[in-house]
Amino acid sequence: MSDPILVLAWLVLAHLAADFLFQTGGIVRAKSSHGRQALAGLLAHGAIVAILLIPVGLAFGGPGWLFLAVSAVLHMVVDRSKVLLTRRFAAAALVAAHGRHEGPQPTDHLGRAWTPWPAALFVLDQLVHLAILAIAWAALLSAAPLQPAWIDAVNRVIGGFDLVAFHDVVSALVVGTSLVIANVVGASIFVAILVRPVEQSEGETRWGTRAGPAVAPPPDVAARETTPARVSIETAPPSRAWSVRIGPLETRIAAEPEAAPGPPSSTSGVDAAPGAHPQSQTARVGATIGILERILIVVFVLTGSQAAIGFVVAAKTLARFRLLDDRDFAEYYLLGTLASVSVAIITGLVGAAALDALLV
């Protein structure tokens, strides 16, 4: 059980679990705030990363513990950098929209202040995490021997099972679980960030679903936000104020573009923006359609049935055919659909390549 590729697949699964399963909405909000609260959020997330990598330390000893420390620290640095850059680009988009005197649109449109940068930074954040993981794995773990105690423990777990069969089962489970997390949670977050409008509430730039009216920023917030990109946001007309959150977990499945027009929604296990309405049944159905779409596409890619992908996209588009006469909705819908399908195809191809390398 010392297959280096399997170790790398385990590390990818640990990263996905840390970012998309065990990172709570409270941690995301803390990371996106200021000062001690931001530091506390980053430390909490770094601790989750470290905890999930404890088996690596136990398996490889010194190199494994060093990998754990490097991964946790750099994960926090990359996450904070993404928060700061996202805030800056969202603020710049708001400034440009206010300069054009354009207000917000309904939740099923992209919004006048839409910008691709927050979604691009989300993807870049994930790519940087994976690049760090791969480099640290190559430098510290790829040639490191397993600890005798770890080998004994694994052998006791395997017992009388065939070693090759056990390896194949574990490989399939690791890759399959990673694909499920990436397409059910990660892709939903990415699509939600991509199609949500950037607006203003309580003197801060946020990202997510619409909420109640904004209020003037408290003095401490106004004093903190002194960069040129934020000045016009604090003085923006209240009529253009929506509440949007920066942070993936606040824009979870409920904000998928398949959701029909209606009141914004909260997400399972995550607090919605202040003033937001409960998630409607139509929104939940639309979100489920997006998830099923990606799962089907991944299955088609893994089984070599790529031609069937067109039928999935066509079936969903047919249900929205009349709404596509609205140009704003068409842009919103097509952008979300293309992003969703792209994630499913790319992750499916990566998963297929990983299974080819792992399965005997």
Protein backbone atom coordinates (compact mmCIF):
# COMPACT_ATOMS: atom_id res chain seq x y z
CA MET A 1 0.00 0.00 0.00
CA SER A 2 2.89 2.39 -0.72
CA ASP A 3 1.70 3.41 -4.21
CA PRO A 4 2.85 7.06 -4.57
CA ILE A 5 -0.10 7.89 -6.84
CA LEU A 6 -2.54 6.56 -4.25
CA VAL A 7 -0.87 8.73 -1.62
CA LEU A 8 -1.30 11.74 -3.88
CA ALA A 9 -4.96 10.86 -4.43
CA TRP A 10 -5.46 10.64 -0.66
CA LEU A 11 -3.90 14.10 -0.27
CA VAL A 12 -6.26 15.57 -2.88
CA LEU A 13 -9.22 14.01 -1.05
CA ALA A 14 -8.00 15.49 2.25
CA HIS A 15 -7.78 18.94 0.63
CA LEU A 16 -11.29 18.72 -0.82
CA ALA A 17 -12.69 17.56 2.52
CA ALA A 18 -10.96 20.42 4.36
CA ASP A 19 -12.23 23.09 1.97
CA PHE A 20 -15.73 21.82 1.14
CA LEU A 21 -16.90 19.47 3.89
CA PHE A 22 -15.45 20.64 7.20
CA GLN A 23 -15.11 24.38 6.61
CA THR A 24 -18.19 25.93 8.20
CA GLY A 25 -19.92 29.16 7.26
CA GLY A 26 -18.67 30.72 10.48
CA ILE A 27 -15.07 29.98 9.52
CA VAL A 28 -15.60 31.47 6.06
CA ARG A 29 -17.13 34.64 7.50
CA ALA A 30 -14.30 34.95 10.00
CA LYS A 31 -11.63 34.51 7.32
CA SER A 32 -13.29 37.23 5.25
CA SER A 33 -13.39 39.74 8.10
CA HIS A 34 -10.65 41.86 9.65
CA GLY A 35 -8.06 41.69 12.40
CA ARG A 36 -8.27 39.09 15.12
CA GLN A 37 -11.48 37.59 13.76
CA ALA A 38 -9.82 36.95 10.40
CA LEU A 39 -6.80 35.42 12.12
CA ALA A 40 -9.06 33.17 14.21
CA GLY A 41 -10.87 31.98 11.08
CA LEU A 42 -7.63 31.27 9.28
CA LEU A 43 -6.21 29.38 12.27
CA ALA A 44 -9.40 27.32 12.56
CA HIS A 45 -9.24 26.38 8.89
CA GLY A 46 -5.52 25.65 9.14
CA ALA A 47 -6.22 23.38 12.10
CA ILE A 48 -8.79 21.45 10.04
CA VAL A 49 -6.22 20.98 7.27
CA ALA A 50 -3.65 19.79 9.80
CA ILE A 51 -6.04 17.36 11.47
CA LEU A 52 -6.96 15.74 8.17
CA LEU A 53 -3.25 15.30 7.38
CA ILE A 54 -2.37 13.58 10.67
CA PRO A 55 -2.41 10.15 8.95
CA VAL A 56 0.34 11.45 6.63
CA GLY A 57 2.53 12.22 9.62
CA LEU A 58 1.83 8.84 11.16
CA ALA A 59 2.59 7.07 7.87
CA PHE A 60 5.79 8.87 6.88
CA GLY A 61 7.20 10.15 10.16
CA GLY A 62 9.40 13.26 9.90
CA PRO A 63 8.72 14.03 6.21
CA GLY A 64 5.00 13.55 6.81
CA TRP A 65 4.87 15.93 9.77
CA LEU A 66 6.86 18.51 7.78
CA PHE A 67 4.37 18.11 4.91
CA LEU A 68 1.53 18.70 7.39
CA ALA A 69 3.08 21.90 8.73
CA VAL A 70 3.94 23.33 5.31
CA SER A 71 0.50 22.51 3.91
CA ALA A 72 -1.41 24.06 6.82
CA VAL A 73 0.62 27.29 6.87
CA LEU A 74 0.59 27.84 3.11
CA HIS A 75 -3.12 27.00 2.99
CA MET A 76 -3.84 29.88 5.35
CA VAL A 77 -1.62 32.26 3.38
CA VAL A 78 -3.28 31.40 0.06
CA ASP A 79 -6.79 31.66 1.53
CA ARG A 80 -6.20 35.09 2.99
CA SER A 81 -4.66 36.31 -0.26
CA LYS A 82 -7.76 35.15 -2.13
CA VAL A 83 -10.05 36.99 0.30
CA LEU A 84 -8.15 40.26 -0.10
CA LEU A 85 -8.00 40.01 -3.90
CA THR A 86 -11.68 39.06 -4.16
CA ARG A 87 -12.64 42.05 -2.03
CA ARG A 88 -10.56 44.36 -4.19
CA PHE A 89 -11.96 43.14 -7.52
CA ALA A 90 -15.55 43.13 -6.24
CA ALA A 91 -15.11 46.68 -4.98
CA ALA A 92 -13.71 47.79 -8.34
CA ALA A 93 -16.73 46.25 -10.11
CA LEU A 94 -19.08 48.17 -7.81
CA VAL A 95 -17.26 51.42 -8.45
CA ALA A 96 -17.57 50.89 -12.20
CA ALA A 97 -21.29 50.03 -11.94
CA HIS A 98 -22.04 53.08 -9.81
CA GLY A 99 -20.12 55.21 -12.29
CA ARG A 100 -22.50 54.00 -14.99
CA HIS A 101 -25.45 54.73 -12.66
CA GLU A 102 -26.69 51.18 -12.99
CA GLY A 103 -28.60 49.45 -10.22
CA PRO A 104 -29.09 45.79 -9.30
CA GLN A 105 -31.25 43.30 -11.16
CA PRO A 106 -33.35 40.32 -10.00
CA THR A 107 -31.60 37.26 -8.61
CA ASP A 108 -31.89 35.34 -11.88
CA HIS A 109 -29.71 37.88 -13.72
CA LEU A 110 -25.99 38.53 -13.53
CA GLY A 111 -26.33 42.09 -12.25
CA ARG A 112 -24.82 45.29 -13.61
CA ALA A 113 -21.77 45.02 -11.39
CA TRP A 114 -21.03 41.43 -12.42
CA THR A 115 -17.36 40.52 -12.71
CA PRO A 116 -15.72 37.15 -13.41
CA TRP A 117 -12.82 37.82 -11.07
CA PRO A 118 -14.22 36.36 -7.82
CA ALA A 119 -14.96 33.06 -9.60
CA ALA A 120 -11.58 33.17 -11.34
CA LEU A 121 -9.87 33.72 -7.99
CA PHE A 122 -11.83 30.79 -6.53
CA VAL A 123 -10.47 28.53 -9.28
CA LEU A 124 -6.97 29.98 -8.93
CA ASP A 125 -7.12 29.40 -5.17
CA GLN A 126 -7.92 25.72 -5.73
CA LEU A 127 -5.21 25.35 -8.37
CA VAL A 128 -2.60 26.94 -6.11
CA HIS A 129 -3.58 24.64 -3.23
CA LEU A 130 -3.27 21.60 -5.49
CA ALA A 131 0.06 22.83 -6.91
CA ILE A 132 1.48 23.28 -3.41
CA LEU A 133 0.19 19.84 -2.48
CA ALA A 134 1.81 18.23 -5.54
CA ILE A 135 5.14 20.02 -5.07
CA ALA A 136 5.30 19.19 -1.35
CA TRP A 137 4.35 15.57 -2.11
CA ALA A 138 7.10 15.28 -4.75
CA ALA A 139 9.70 16.87 -2.48
CA LEU A 140 8.83 15.21 0.82
CA LEU A 141 6.71 12.10 0.35
CA SER A 142 7.12 10.55 -3.10
CA ALA A 143 10.35 8.75 -2.14
CA ALA A 144 9.89 8.63 1.65
CA PRO A 145 9.58 5.16 3.22
CA LEU A 146 6.52 4.24 5.27
CA GLN A 147 6.91 3.83 9.02
CA PRO A 148 7.03 0.18 10.21
CA ALA A 149 4.24 0.84 12.73
CA TRP A 150 2.02 2.18 9.95
CA ILE A 151 2.73 -0.83 7.76
CA ASP A 152 1.83 -3.17 10.62
CA ALA A 153 -1.41 -1.29 11.29
CA VAL A 154 -2.43 -1.43 7.60
CA ASN A 155 -1.62 -5.13 7.42
CA ARG A 156 -3.83 -5.78 10.45
CA VAL A 157 -6.69 -3.88 8.76
CA ILE A 158 -6.27 -5.78 5.51
CA GLY A 159 -6.08 -9.13 7.28
CA GLY A 160 -6.66 -11.96 4.84
CA PHE A 161 -7.94 -9.80 1.98
CA ASP A 162 -6.17 -9.93 -1.35
CA LEU A 163 -3.69 -7.02 -1.40
CA VAL A 164 -4.24 -6.13 -5.06
CA ALA A 165 -8.02 -6.21 -4.74
CA PHE A 166 -7.88 -4.10 -1.58
CA HIS A 167 -5.65 -1.56 -3.35
CA ASP A 168 -8.11 -1.29 -6.25
CA VAL A 169 -11.12 -0.89 -3.96
CA VAL A 170 -9.42 1.84 -1.91
CA SER A 171 -8.27 3.62 -5.08
CA ALA A 172 -11.79 3.60 -6.54
CA LEU A 173 -13.26 4.86 -3.27
CA VAL A 174 -10.73 7.69 -2.95
CA VAL A 175 -11.17 8.89 -6.53
CA GLY A 176 -14.94 8.45 -6.46
CA THR A 177 -15.32 10.35 -3.18
CA SER A 178 -13.15 13.17 -4.51
CA LEU A 179 -15.31 13.43 -7.63
CA VAL A 180 -18.49 13.53 -5.55
CA ILE A 181 -17.16 16.30 -3.29
CA ALA A 182 -15.86 18.33 -6.23
CA ASN A 183 -19.10 18.11 -8.21
CA VAL A 184 -21.72 18.20 -5.46
CA VAL A 185 -20.19 20.90 -3.27
CA GLY A 186 -17.20 22.49 -4.96
CA ALA A 187 -18.85 23.01 -8.34
CA SER A 188 -22.02 24.37 -6.72
CA ILE A 189 -19.95 26.96 -4.90
CA PHE A 190 -18.01 27.88 -8.03
CA VAL A 191 -21.12 28.30 -10.18
CA ALA A 192 -22.84 30.31 -7.45
CA ILE A 193 -19.92 32.71 -7.15
CA LEU A 194 -19.72 33.05 -10.92
CA VAL A 195 -23.36 34.04 -11.49
CA ARG A 196 -24.05 36.11 -8.35
CA PRO A 197 -24.09 39.89 -8.74
CA VAL A 198 -21.69 42.00 -6.73
CA GLU A 199 -23.54 44.59 -4.68
CA GLN A 200 -23.18 46.47 -1.43
CA SER A 201 -24.58 46.13 2.08
CA GLU A 202 -23.58 47.64 5.40
CA GLY A 203 -20.63 49.41 3.82
CA GLU A 204 -18.97 46.18 2.68
CA THR A 205 -18.68 44.35 -0.61
CA ARG A 206 -20.28 40.92 -0.34
CA TRP A 207 -21.04 38.00 -2.62
CA GLY A 208 -24.07 35.69 -2.64
CA THR A 209 -27.86 36.11 -2.50
CA ARG A 210 -30.05 39.16 -2.20
CA ALA A 211 -31.16 40.35 1.19
CA GLY A 212 -32.86 43.27 2.86
CA PRO A 213 -32.02 46.95 2.55
CA ALA A 214 -28.57 48.12 3.41
CA VAL A 215 -27.77 50.46 6.25
CA ALA A 216 -25.00 52.97 6.69
CA PRO A 217 -21.66 51.48 7.75
CA PRO A 218 -20.70 51.85 11.39
CA PRO A 219 -17.91 54.33 12.11
CA ASP A 220 -15.31 51.62 12.69
CA VAL A 221 -16.02 50.08 9.28
CA ALA A 222 -15.90 53.46 7.54
CA ALA A 223 -12.59 54.17 9.25
CA ARG A 224 -11.12 50.83 8.17
CA GLU A 225 -12.12 51.04 4.51
CA THR A 226 -9.82 53.76 3.23
CA THR A 227 -8.55 52.33 -0.05
CA PRO A 228 -9.64 54.21 -3.20
CA ALA A 229 -11.61 51.22 -4.46
CA ARG A 230 -13.83 51.29 -1.36
CA VAL A 231 -14.54 55.00 -0.96
CA SER A 232 -17.33 55.18 -3.51
CA ILE A 233 -18.87 52.01 -2.11
CA GLU A 234 -19.43 53.63 1.24
CA THR A 235 -21.19 56.57 -0.41
CA ALA A 236 -23.19 54.49 -2.95
CA PRO A 237 -26.93 55.26 -3.15
CA PRO A 238 -29.05 52.98 -0.95
CA SER A 239 -31.25 52.11 -3.96
CA ARG A 240 -28.40 50.04 -5.36
CA ALA A 241 -27.72 48.12 -2.18
CA TRP A 242 -27.98 44.34 -2.08
CA SER A 243 -26.37 42.02 0.39
CA VAL A 244 -23.85 39.67 -1.09
CA ARG A 245 -21.29 37.65 0.77
CA ILE A 246 -17.69 37.01 -0.16
CA GLY A 247 -16.99 33.39 0.70
CA PRO A 248 -17.91 30.13 -1.01
CA LEU A 249 -19.95 28.47 1.72
CA GLU A 250 -22.46 31.31 1.87
CA THR A 251 -23.18 30.83 -1.83
CA ARG A 252 -23.65 27.10 -1.62
CA ILE A 253 -26.17 25.09 -3.64
CA ALA A 254 -29.12 27.49 -3.27
CA ALA A 255 -27.61 30.03 -5.67
CA GLU A 256 -27.24 27.64 -8.61
CA PRO A 257 -28.47 29.17 -11.90
CA GLU A 258 -31.02 26.39 -12.34
CA ALA A 259 -33.05 27.92 -9.51
CA ALA A 260 -36.16 29.69 -10.75
CA PRO A 261 -36.85 33.35 -9.90
CA GLY A 262 -38.09 33.81 -6.40
CA PRO A 263 -36.98 34.89 -2.95
CA PRO A 264 -33.35 34.19 -2.13
CA SER A 265 -32.57 31.22 0.00
CA SER A 266 -30.45 30.08 2.86
CA THR A 267 -28.29 27.01 2.61
CA SER A 268 -28.10 23.83 4.60
CA GLY A 269 -25.93 24.34 7.63
CA VAL A 270 -24.98 27.89 6.65
CA ASP A 271 -26.55 31.16 7.77
CA ALA A 272 -27.99 33.26 4.96
CA ALA A 273 -27.36 36.94 4.57
CA PRO A 274 -29.24 39.19 6.99
CA GLY A 275 -32.81 39.65 5.82
CA ALA A 276 -32.71 36.71 3.39
CA HIS A 277 -35.80 34.56 2.97
CA PRO A 278 -35.91 30.78 3.45
CA GLN A 279 -34.94 28.68 0.49
CA SER A 280 -37.89 27.92 -1.79
CA GLN A 281 -38.75 24.44 -2.95
CA THR A 282 -38.20 25.51 -6.57
CA ALA A 283 -34.68 26.65 -5.74
CA ARG A 284 -33.90 23.34 -4.05
CA VAL A 285 -35.19 21.44 -7.08
CA GLY A 286 -33.12 23.61 -9.41
CA ALA A 287 -30.01 23.07 -7.30
CA THR A 288 -30.59 19.32 -7.34
CA ILE A 289 -30.91 19.39 -11.12
CA GLY A 290 -27.50 21.03 -11.37
CA ILE A 291 -25.93 18.41 -9.11
CA LEU A 292 -27.52 15.50 -10.98
CA GLU A 293 -26.40 17.04 -14.26
CA ARG A 294 -22.77 17.04 -13.14
CA ILE A 295 -22.94 13.54 -11.68
CA LEU A 296 -24.38 12.16 -14.92
CA ILE A 297 -21.71 13.91 -16.97
CA VAL A 298 -18.95 12.50 -14.75
CA VAL A 299 -20.40 9.01 -15.12
CA PHE A 300 -20.57 9.43 -18.90
CA VAL A 301 -16.94 10.56 -19.02
CA LEU A 302 -15.76 7.67 -16.81
CA THR A 303 -17.64 5.13 -18.93
CA GLY A 304 -16.59 6.61 -22.29
CA SER A 305 -20.12 7.73 -23.18
CA GLN A 306 -19.31 11.38 -23.87
CA ALA A 307 -21.88 11.58 -26.66
CA ALA A 308 -24.66 11.35 -24.07
CA ILE A 309 -23.56 14.63 -22.44
CA GLY A 310 -25.36 16.59 -25.14
CA PHE A 311 -28.68 14.98 -24.23
CA VAL A 312 -28.33 16.04 -20.59
CA VAL A 313 -27.63 19.67 -21.52
CA ALA A 314 -30.37 19.68 -24.16
CA ALA A 315 -32.97 18.32 -21.72
CA LYS A 316 -32.23 21.05 -19.18
CA THR A 317 -32.17 23.78 -21.82
CA LEU A 318 -35.50 22.62 -23.24
CA ALA A 319 -37.15 23.19 -19.87
CA ARG A 320 -35.93 26.82 -19.93
CA PHE A 321 -36.52 27.43 -23.63
CA ARG A 322 -39.11 30.22 -23.30
CA LEU A 323 -37.16 32.05 -20.63
CA LEU A 324 -34.15 32.25 -22.96
CA ASP A 325 -35.95 35.02 -24.89
CA ASP A 326 -34.89 37.28 -22.02
CA ARG A 327 -31.30 38.18 -22.90
CA ASP A 328 -30.29 38.87 -19.32
CA PHE A 329 -31.67 35.53 -18.14
CA ALA A 330 -30.10 33.76 -21.13
CA GLU A 331 -26.66 35.12 -20.23
CA TYR A 332 -27.16 34.15 -16.60
CA TYR A 333 -28.41 30.66 -17.47
CA LEU A 334 -25.85 29.86 -20.18
CA LEU A 335 -22.93 31.10 -18.10
CA GLY A 336 -23.94 28.92 -15.16
CA THR A 337 -24.67 25.90 -17.34
CA LEU A 338 -21.40 26.10 -19.26
CA ALA A 339 -19.46 26.49 -16.01
CA SER A 340 -21.26 23.52 -14.45
CA VAL A 341 -20.72 21.28 -17.48
CA SER A 342 -17.07 22.33 -17.75
CA VAL A 343 -16.36 21.41 -14.13
CA ALA A 344 -18.02 18.01 -14.58
CA ILE A 345 -16.10 17.22 -17.78
CA ILE A 346 -12.73 18.35 -16.43
CA THR A 347 -13.07 16.53 -13.12
CA GLY A 348 -14.37 13.45 -14.93
CA LEU A 349 -11.33 13.39 -17.22
CA VAL A 350 -8.96 13.86 -14.27
CA GLY A 351 -10.75 11.10 -12.36
CA ALA A 352 -10.55 8.74 -15.34
CA ALA A 353 -6.82 9.40 -15.67
CA ALA A 354 -6.30 8.78 -11.95
CA LEU A 355 -8.21 5.48 -12.08
CA ASP A 356 -6.19 4.37 -15.12
CA ALA A 357 -3.00 5.04 -13.16
CA LEU A 358 -4.20 3.38 -9.96
CA LEU A 359 -6.20 0.33 -10.96
CA VAL A 360 -4.15 -2.77 -11.67
